[in-house]
């Protein structure tokens, strides 16, 4: 058992091993997890969390690396959580984004962590919110969260980030892959990457048209910008950073940033509570209380909903 206060102090000093150890405690649901979160709570709330999502092949890792470079030029400390599919053998991250961002490996102002989904849907790892909190407390000014290649249901990043960036690329089968992937409506900033390819202008026009067909916006509402980039060459990346900063300023002016963070905290509490209840219910298999409720249902004395209410009431009391 490591001393949590020492780990937190070392992480605040920028020690990468301490940050890595804290995230490992989070990922492994360590018995020290509650102590870690209690120690981090007063140190959080300063990092700007940017989520990057999009279909496979649009260049999320390359774009993330380019954004790291842009923020480092501004002198900001950057944390990266790169969420990858899980290995079917070890359960670890199947792809190592740290390899793809090797140019930042020796920079003490950058911390990059690959995390495995471990079967969690939504494009993120289940422990991502706590890992974001670790990087926030460790003094990162910006935390970039790169999701796995998303599909129809994998839009969880919108609930975890202050600003969500949706990446697209021309020539990948669909003009607007996001329209079918179910992620068109979650973006605060849209990026058409690989803009040196044929069809980039058409993709941007089609995306602009799709956005115009979406929800009606009142004057002063945020309208997501569309930025064209060639991330592999760093082209257009400064414009993406400018769009991110404009969105952050708009949110702060309209109170939207505080609302998002309150909703994020409430959702995290709800998730922890539900997980705790699920674990306690899982421990009931073969338990007398569960068997007694099942007998009453089979005997017609009780319906399943009332039985569930009684079970939950008993669990919350006990």
Protein backbone atom coordinates (compact mmCIF):
# COMPACT_ATOMS: atom_id res chain seq x y z
CA UNK A 1 0.00 0.00 0.00
CA UNK A 2 1.50 3.31 -1.07
CA UNK A 3 1.04 6.53 0.86
CA UNK A 4 -1.61 8.45 -1.08
CA UNK A 5 -0.66 11.89 0.25
CA UNK A 6 2.92 11.36 -0.92
CA UNK A 7 1.76 10.21 -4.36
CA UNK A 8 -0.51 13.24 -4.71
CA UNK A 9 2.24 15.63 -3.63
CA UNK A 10 4.67 14.08 -6.11
CA UNK A 11 2.04 14.24 -8.88
CA UNK A 12 1.53 17.94 -8.15
CA UNK A 13 5.26 18.40 -8.66
CA UNK A 14 4.93 16.83 -12.10
CA UNK A 15 6.47 13.44 -11.32
CA UNK A 16 5.21 11.17 -14.12
CA UNK A 17 5.60 7.97 -12.08
CA UNK A 18 3.34 9.36 -9.34
CA UNK A 19 0.71 10.34 -11.93
CA UNK A 20 0.99 6.88 -13.51
CA UNK A 21 0.59 5.19 -10.13
CA UNK A 22 -2.50 7.23 -9.26
CA UNK A 23 -4.14 6.40 -12.60
CA UNK A 24 -3.25 2.73 -12.09
CA UNK A 25 -5.00 2.81 -8.71
CA UNK A 26 -8.04 4.28 -10.47
CA UNK A 27 -8.02 1.75 -13.31
CA UNK A 28 -7.62 -1.17 -10.94
CA UNK A 29 -10.42 0.03 -8.62
CA UNK A 30 -7.92 -0.16 -5.78
CA UNK A 31 -9.10 -0.25 -2.16
CA UNK A 32 -7.26 3.08 -1.92
CA UNK A 33 -9.45 4.63 -4.62
CA UNK A 34 -11.72 6.49 -2.17
CA UNK A 35 -8.70 7.88 -0.36
CA UNK A 36 -7.19 8.99 -3.69
CA UNK A 37 -10.36 10.76 -4.78
CA UNK A 38 -10.72 12.49 -1.40
CA UNK A 39 -7.15 13.77 -1.62
CA UNK A 40 -7.61 15.02 -5.19
CA UNK A 41 -10.98 16.73 -4.71
CA UNK A 42 -9.67 20.13 -3.49
CA UNK A 43 -7.05 20.22 -6.26
CA UNK A 44 -9.34 19.85 -9.28
CA UNK A 45 -11.48 22.09 -11.44
CA UNK A 46 -8.73 23.93 -13.31
CA UNK A 47 -8.05 21.80 -16.39
CA UNK A 48 -9.85 22.40 -19.68
CA UNK A 49 -11.07 19.00 -20.91
CA UNK A 50 -11.25 18.53 -24.68
CA UNK A 51 -12.69 15.34 -26.15
CA UNK A 52 -11.76 14.13 -29.64
CA UNK A 53 -13.94 11.58 -31.35
CA UNK A 54 -14.76 10.34 -34.82
CA UNK A 55 -14.88 7.29 -37.03
CA UNK A 56 -11.82 5.04 -37.32
CA UNK A 57 -9.23 6.34 -39.76
CA UNK A 58 -9.98 10.06 -39.54
CA UNK A 59 -6.67 10.79 -37.81
CA UNK A 60 -7.63 11.19 -34.16
CA UNK A 61 -4.20 10.29 -32.80
CA UNK A 62 -2.38 12.50 -35.30
CA UNK A 63 -4.73 15.37 -34.51
CA UNK A 64 -4.29 14.85 -30.78
CA UNK A 65 -0.52 14.92 -31.16
CA UNK A 66 -0.73 18.12 -33.24
CA UNK A 67 -2.90 19.76 -30.58
CA UNK A 68 -0.38 18.78 -27.90
CA UNK A 69 2.31 20.57 -29.90
CA UNK A 70 0.13 23.66 -30.31
CA UNK A 71 -0.68 23.90 -26.60
CA UNK A 72 2.95 23.29 -25.64
CA UNK A 73 3.96 26.24 -27.82
CA UNK A 74 1.67 28.28 -25.56
CA UNK A 75 3.54 26.96 -22.52
CA UNK A 76 0.62 24.89 -21.24
CA UNK A 77 0.96 21.54 -19.51
CA UNK A 78 -1.00 18.88 -21.36
CA UNK A 79 -2.40 15.53 -20.31
CA UNK A 80 -3.62 12.97 -22.84
CA UNK A 81 -5.92 10.03 -22.18
CA UNK A 82 -5.94 7.85 -25.29
CA UNK A 83 -8.67 5.24 -24.97
CA UNK A 84 -8.12 2.09 -26.99
CA UNK A 85 -9.99 -1.18 -27.48
CA UNK A 86 -9.08 -3.88 -24.99
CA UNK A 87 -6.87 -6.81 -25.83
CA UNK A 88 -8.98 -10.01 -25.75
CA UNK A 89 -6.05 -11.74 -24.05
CA UNK A 90 -4.68 -9.37 -21.40
CA UNK A 91 -7.53 -6.87 -21.09
CA UNK A 92 -5.02 -4.06 -21.64
CA UNK A 93 -5.03 -1.38 -24.31
CA UNK A 94 -4.81 -3.11 -27.68
CA UNK A 95 -3.15 -0.15 -29.41
CA UNK A 96 -0.47 2.02 -27.83
CA UNK A 97 -1.22 5.67 -28.59
CA UNK A 98 1.95 6.58 -26.74
CA UNK A 99 3.82 5.00 -29.64
CA UNK A 100 1.93 7.19 -32.10
CA UNK A 101 2.74 10.28 -30.01
CA UNK A 102 6.37 9.38 -29.40
CA UNK A 103 7.57 12.89 -30.32
CA UNK A 104 6.22 14.09 -26.95
CA UNK A 105 7.61 11.21 -24.89
CA UNK A 106 10.56 13.17 -23.50
CA UNK A 107 8.62 16.38 -22.82
CA UNK A 108 8.11 16.82 -19.04
CA UNK A 109 5.16 19.10 -19.76
CA UNK A 110 3.20 16.30 -21.41
CA UNK A 111 1.70 13.19 -19.83
CA UNK A 112 0.23 10.53 -22.15
CA UNK A 113 -1.69 7.51 -20.92
CA UNK A 114 -3.31 4.76 -22.96
CA UNK A 115 -6.38 3.28 -21.31
CA UNK A 116 -8.30 0.16 -22.25
CA UNK A 117 -12.10 0.22 -22.55
CA UNK A 118 -12.25 -3.22 -20.89
CA UNK A 119 -15.59 -3.83 -22.56
CA UNK A 120 -17.12 -0.50 -21.57
CA UNK A 121 -19.26 0.97 -24.35
CA UNK A 122 -19.46 4.65 -25.14
CA UNK A 123 -15.98 5.09 -26.58
CA UNK A 124 -14.34 5.61 -23.19
CA UNK A 125 -12.95 3.53 -20.36
CA UNK A 126 -15.15 3.27 -17.26
CA UNK A 127 -12.42 4.91 -15.17
CA UNK A 128 -11.91 7.86 -17.54
CA UNK A 129 -13.65 10.46 -15.30
CA UNK A 130 -11.39 9.62 -12.36
CA UNK A 131 -8.30 9.56 -14.58
CA UNK A 132 -9.21 13.01 -15.89
CA UNK A 133 -9.41 14.17 -12.28
CA UNK A 134 -5.90 12.82 -11.62
CA UNK A 135 -4.46 14.79 -14.56
CA UNK A 136 -6.38 17.89 -13.50
CA UNK A 137 -5.02 17.69 -9.95
CA UNK A 138 -1.52 17.02 -11.31
CA UNK A 139 -1.50 20.51 -12.79
CA UNK A 140 -2.42 19.90 -16.43
CA UNK A 141 -3.86 23.02 -18.03
CA UNK A 142 -5.46 21.01 -20.82
CA UNK A 143 -6.57 17.38 -20.83
CA UNK A 144 -7.14 15.84 -24.27
CA UNK A 145 -9.30 12.71 -24.27
CA UNK A 146 -9.14 10.66 -27.46
CA UNK A 147 -11.88 8.04 -27.77
CA UNK A 148 -11.82 4.75 -29.61
CA UNK A 149 -13.26 4.83 -33.12
CA UNK A 150 -16.89 5.56 -32.39
CA UNK A 151 -20.06 3.95 -33.61
CA UNK A 152 -23.73 4.66 -33.14
CA UNK A 153 -23.85 4.48 -29.33
CA UNK A 154 -20.30 5.54 -28.54
CA UNK A 155 -20.85 9.24 -27.85
CA UNK A 156 -20.10 9.30 -24.13
CA UNK A 157 -17.29 11.82 -24.61
CA UNK A 158 -19.91 14.57 -24.94
CA UNK A 159 -20.79 14.09 -21.28
CA UNK A 160 -17.18 13.98 -20.08
CA UNK A 161 -15.56 16.90 -21.91
CA UNK A 162 -15.91 20.66 -21.63
CA UNK A 163 -15.63 20.85 -25.42
CA UNK A 164 -16.19 17.98 -27.87
CA UNK A 165 -14.35 17.87 -31.18
CA UNK A 166 -15.75 15.63 -33.92
CA UNK A 167 -13.28 14.68 -36.64
CA UNK A 168 -14.16 13.64 -40.16
CA UNK A 169 -12.15 12.97 -43.31
CA UNK A 170 -13.03 12.95 -47.01
CA UNK A 171 -13.07 9.85 -49.13
CA UNK A 172 -13.98 7.33 -46.43
CA UNK A 173 -17.15 5.88 -47.93
CA UNK A 174 -19.65 8.41 -46.58
CA UNK A 175 -19.54 12.13 -47.18
CA UNK A 176 -20.61 12.62 -43.58
CA UNK A 177 -19.69 9.48 -41.66
CA UNK A 178 -20.99 11.10 -38.48
CA UNK A 179 -24.55 11.23 -39.82
CA UNK A 180 -24.73 7.44 -39.70
CA UNK A 181 -22.51 7.06 -36.64
CA UNK A 182 -24.92 9.07 -34.51
CA UNK A 183 -22.31 11.63 -33.47
CA UNK A 184 -23.29 14.58 -35.64
CA UNK A 185 -25.20 16.30 -32.87
CA UNK A 186 -22.55 16.13 -30.14
CA UNK A 187 -19.83 18.32 -31.62
CA UNK A 188 -18.90 21.78 -30.38
CA UNK A 189 -16.16 22.02 -33.02
CA UNK A 190 -15.97 20.01 -36.25
CA UNK A 191 -12.70 19.22 -37.96
CA UNK A 192 -12.36 17.94 -41.52
CA UNK A 193 -8.92 16.36 -41.36
CA UNK A 194 -6.82 15.19 -44.31
CA UNK A 195 -8.04 18.29 -46.13
CA UNK A 196 -5.37 17.84 -48.79
CA UNK A 197 -7.40 14.98 -50.20
CA UNK A 198 -9.98 15.33 -52.95
CA UNK A 199 -13.46 15.91 -51.59
CA UNK A 200 -12.49 17.89 -48.49
CA UNK A 201 -14.38 21.00 -49.57
CA UNK A 202 -17.42 18.90 -50.44
CA UNK A 203 -17.28 17.19 -47.05
CA UNK A 204 -17.15 20.57 -45.29
CA UNK A 205 -20.08 21.89 -47.36
CA UNK A 206 -22.16 18.79 -46.68
CA UNK A 207 -21.36 18.97 -42.98
CA UNK A 208 -22.35 22.64 -42.90
CA UNK A 209 -25.63 21.74 -44.60
CA UNK A 210 -26.31 18.93 -42.14
CA UNK A 211 -25.67 21.25 -39.21
CA UNK A 212 -28.03 23.85 -40.65
CA UNK A 213 -30.78 21.22 -40.64
CA UNK A 214 -30.28 20.54 -36.96
CA UNK A 215 -31.75 22.28 -33.96
CA UNK A 216 -32.73 25.90 -34.45
CA UNK A 217 -30.41 28.29 -32.65
CA UNK A 218 -31.34 31.57 -31.06
CA UNK A 219 -29.18 34.65 -31.61
CA UNK A 220 -26.11 34.34 -29.42
CA UNK A 221 -26.22 30.54 -29.29
CA UNK A 222 -23.02 28.68 -30.11
CA UNK A 223 -22.77 27.58 -33.72
CA UNK A 224 -20.14 24.85 -34.12
CA UNK A 225 -17.40 25.97 -36.52
CA UNK A 226 -15.95 23.70 -39.21
CA UNK A 227 -12.15 23.74 -39.47
CA UNK A 228 -10.13 22.03 -42.20
CA UNK A 229 -6.78 20.55 -41.21
CA UNK A 230 -3.91 18.41 -42.39
CA UNK A 231 -2.86 17.28 -38.93
CA UNK A 232 0.11 15.26 -40.18
CA UNK A 233 1.67 18.53 -41.34
CA UNK A 234 0.29 20.72 -38.58
CA UNK A 235 -1.83 22.71 -41.03
CA UNK A 236 -4.98 24.26 -39.59
CA UNK A 237 -4.20 23.11 -36.03
CA UNK A 238 -3.78 26.66 -34.69
CA UNK A 239 -7.24 27.42 -36.09
CA UNK A 240 -8.63 24.44 -34.15
CA UNK A 241 -7.06 25.77 -30.94
CA UNK A 242 -8.56 29.19 -31.68
CA UNK A 243 -12.00 27.60 -32.15
CA UNK A 244 -11.61 25.71 -28.86
CA UNK A 245 -10.69 28.90 -27.01
CA UNK A 246 -13.66 30.74 -28.52
CA UNK A 247 -15.98 27.96 -27.39
CA UNK A 248 -14.52 28.04 -23.90
CA UNK A 249 -14.95 31.84 -23.73
CA UNK A 250 -18.54 31.52 -24.96
CA UNK A 251 -19.32 28.87 -22.32
CA UNK A 252 -17.83 30.98 -19.54
CA UNK A 253 -19.78 34.03 -20.67
CA UNK A 254 -23.10 32.15 -20.79
CA UNK A 255 -22.58 29.94 -17.74
CA UNK A 256 -22.53 26.81 -19.88
CA UNK A 257 -19.13 25.64 -18.63
CA UNK A 258 -20.31 25.54 -15.01
CA UNK A 259 -23.50 23.76 -16.09
CA UNK A 260 -21.58 21.10 -17.97
CA UNK A 261 -19.26 20.47 -15.05
CA UNK A 262 -22.17 20.25 -12.60
CA UNK A 263 -23.93 17.77 -14.89
CA UNK A 264 -20.69 15.79 -15.22
CA UNK A 265 -20.26 15.59 -11.45
CA UNK A 266 -23.89 14.55 -10.95
CA UNK A 267 -23.56 11.84 -13.59
CA UNK A 268 -20.38 10.55 -11.98
CA UNK A 269 -22.06 10.32 -8.57
CA UNK A 270 -25.01 8.50 -10.15
CA UNK A 271 -22.71 6.05 -11.91
CA UNK A 272 -20.80 5.26 -8.73
CA UNK A 273 -24.03 4.79 -6.78
CA UNK A 274 -25.54 2.50 -9.43
CA UNK A 275 -22.31 0.49 -9.66
CA UNK A 276 -22.26 0.08 -5.89
CA UNK A 277 -25.88 -1.13 -5.86
CA UNK A 278 -25.20 -3.50 -8.76
CA UNK A 279 -22.26 -5.01 -6.90
CA UNK A 280 -24.35 -5.46 -3.78
CA UNK A 281 -27.17 -7.05 -5.77
CA UNK A 282 -24.63 -9.34 -7.44
CA UNK A 283 -23.61 -10.54 -3.99
CA UNK A 284 -27.21 -11.59 -3.31
CA UNK A 285 -27.27 -14.65 -5.59
CA UNK A 286 -28.36 -17.47 -3.33
CA UNK A 287 -29.22 -14.97 -0.59
CA UNK A 288 -32.34 -15.71 1.49
CA UNK A 289 -33.93 -12.32 0.76
CA UNK A 290 -33.73 -12.74 -3.00
CA UNK A 291 -35.07 -16.28 -2.81
CA UNK A 292 -38.00 -15.20 -0.63
CA UNK A 293 -38.95 -12.44 -3.08
CA UNK A 294 -38.74 -14.89 -6.00
CA UNK A 295 -41.08 -17.31 -4.19
CA UNK A 296 -43.64 -14.52 -3.66
CA UNK A 297 -43.49 -13.58 -7.34
CA UNK A 298 -43.99 -17.18 -8.47
CA UNK A 299 -46.85 -17.53 -5.96
CA UNK A 300 -48.61 -14.49 -7.37
CA UNK A 301 -48.28 -12.49 -4.14
CA UNK A 302 -45.94 -9.89 -5.56
CA UNK A 303 -45.09 -8.39 -8.94
CA UNK A 304 -41.42 -8.02 -10.03
CA UNK A 305 -41.45 -4.22 -9.75
CA UNK A 306 -42.61 -4.19 -6.14
CA UNK A 307 -40.13 -6.95 -5.40
CA UNK A 308 -37.34 -4.86 -6.88
CA UNK A 309 -38.47 -1.86 -4.81
CA UNK A 310 -38.36 -3.95 -1.64
CA UNK A 311 -34.92 -5.30 -2.56
CA UNK A 312 -33.48 -1.83 -3.24
CA UNK A 313 -35.02 -0.47 -0.05
CA UNK A 314 -33.45 -3.28 1.93
CA UNK A 315 -30.06 -2.71 0.31
CA UNK A 316 -30.07 1.04 0.94
CA UNK A 317 -31.05 0.49 4.58
CA UNK A 318 -28.44 -2.22 5.06
